[in-house]
Every structure is written in C-alpha cells, then in structure tokens.
C-alpha cells in the first residue's frame, strides 16, 4: 500500500428541493494511486457520478470533491 493523501468527498443530502432538510457529510480518504489515475477533471466527475449510483443517492443530491486542485461539483441525477 502506498502513502495516502487526504481527499475529501462532501455529500450534502437534501430531503427537499428547498434545501431545508437534514444534511450529511461523508469524508472519504483515497489512496495516492487513485488520485494519480483520476487526475483529469472528467475522471473526477465520473467518480462522483458512480458514487451517486452506488449509494443510491436521491436525484438532486449535491456532491463536492475537495482536493489540492479546484473543487469538483456534481448534482446527482437518477
């Protein structure tokens, strides 16, 4: 296993379109090898979309991936 760098994935789960529902934050630490493979913007967005599908997140869930570069934003669509 290689050294890990913190890479934070913030999920804000919204229970309504008005964003007044409860919020949940999930922090995920990814391995450095993953970060090297997903160095392009489109790769990060693909990862966020796959997380939406794997976690069965409701449509409209806002996700932000924070790392050393600029943050990547995605709204889940199902």
Protein backbone atom coordinates (compact mmCIF):
# COMPACT_ATOMS: atom_id res chain seq x y z
CA UNK A 1 0.00 0.00 0.00
CA UNK A 2 1.23 3.46 -0.85
CA UNK A 3 1.04 6.56 1.23
CA UNK A 4 -2.37 8.19 1.38
CA UNK A 5 -3.24 11.82 0.98
CA UNK A 6 -6.49 13.12 2.32
CA UNK A 7 -9.09 13.67 -0.34
CA UNK A 8 -12.44 14.77 0.95
CA UNK A 9 -15.76 13.98 -0.55
CA UNK A 10 -18.57 16.04 0.87
CA UNK A 11 -22.06 14.80 0.30
CA UNK A 12 -24.93 17.04 1.16
CA UNK A 13 -28.12 15.04 1.23
CA UNK A 14 -31.18 17.16 0.72
CA UNK A 15 -34.65 15.96 1.64
CA UNK A 16 -36.43 18.65 -0.37
CA UNK A 17 -35.86 20.92 -3.33
CA UNK A 18 -35.72 23.91 -0.98
CA UNK A 19 -32.59 22.54 0.74
CA UNK A 20 -34.22 22.71 4.14
CA UNK A 21 -33.80 19.05 5.06
CA UNK A 22 -31.12 17.30 7.07
CA UNK A 23 -27.54 17.37 5.82
CA UNK A 24 -24.99 14.58 5.94
CA UNK A 25 -21.26 14.92 5.29
CA UNK A 26 -19.19 11.93 4.28
CA UNK A 27 -15.40 12.20 4.22
CA UNK A 28 -13.52 9.62 2.19
CA UNK A 29 -9.76 9.12 2.10
CA UNK A 30 -8.49 7.83 -1.23
CA UNK A 31 -5.14 6.26 -1.99
CA UNK A 32 -2.47 8.21 -3.84
CA UNK A 33 -2.58 5.71 -6.72
CA UNK A 34 -6.25 6.50 -7.26
CA UNK A 35 -5.52 10.22 -7.26
CA UNK A 36 -2.87 9.77 -9.95
CA UNK A 37 -5.29 7.82 -12.16
CA UNK A 38 -8.09 10.35 -11.72
CA UNK A 39 -6.03 13.44 -12.40
CA UNK A 40 -8.30 14.78 -15.14
CA UNK A 41 -11.46 16.77 -14.42
CA UNK A 42 -13.67 14.33 -16.33
CA UNK A 43 -12.34 11.42 -14.25
CA UNK A 44 -13.34 13.15 -11.01
CA UNK A 45 -16.83 13.81 -12.36
CA UNK A 46 -17.11 10.15 -13.43
CA UNK A 47 -16.18 9.08 -9.89
CA UNK A 48 -18.81 11.38 -8.38
CA UNK A 49 -21.47 10.04 -10.75
CA UNK A 50 -20.57 6.43 -9.89
CA UNK A 51 -20.84 7.25 -6.18
CA UNK A 52 -24.34 8.64 -6.80
CA UNK A 53 -25.33 5.34 -8.40
CA UNK A 54 -23.59 3.04 -5.89
CA UNK A 55 -25.04 4.79 -2.84
CA UNK A 56 -28.49 5.15 -4.47
CA UNK A 57 -28.45 8.85 -3.67
CA UNK A 58 -31.66 10.72 -4.48
CA UNK A 59 -31.83 12.91 -7.55
CA UNK A 60 -30.78 16.44 -6.66
CA UNK A 61 -28.11 15.42 -4.13
CA UNK A 62 -25.22 17.87 -4.32
CA UNK A 63 -21.70 16.46 -4.16
CA UNK A 64 -18.38 18.29 -3.94
CA UNK A 65 -14.97 16.67 -4.22
CA UNK A 66 -12.27 18.69 -2.44
CA UNK A 67 -8.59 18.05 -3.10
CA UNK A 68 -5.41 20.03 -3.69
CA UNK A 69 -6.76 21.34 -7.01
CA UNK A 70 -10.03 23.14 -7.64
CA UNK A 71 -13.16 21.53 -6.16
CA UNK A 72 -15.41 19.48 -8.45
CA UNK A 73 -19.20 19.80 -8.14
CA UNK A 74 -21.94 17.46 -9.32
CA UNK A 75 -25.67 17.18 -8.77
CA UNK A 76 -26.87 13.57 -8.85
CA UNK A 77 -29.47 12.74 -11.47
CA UNK A 78 -31.35 9.45 -11.44
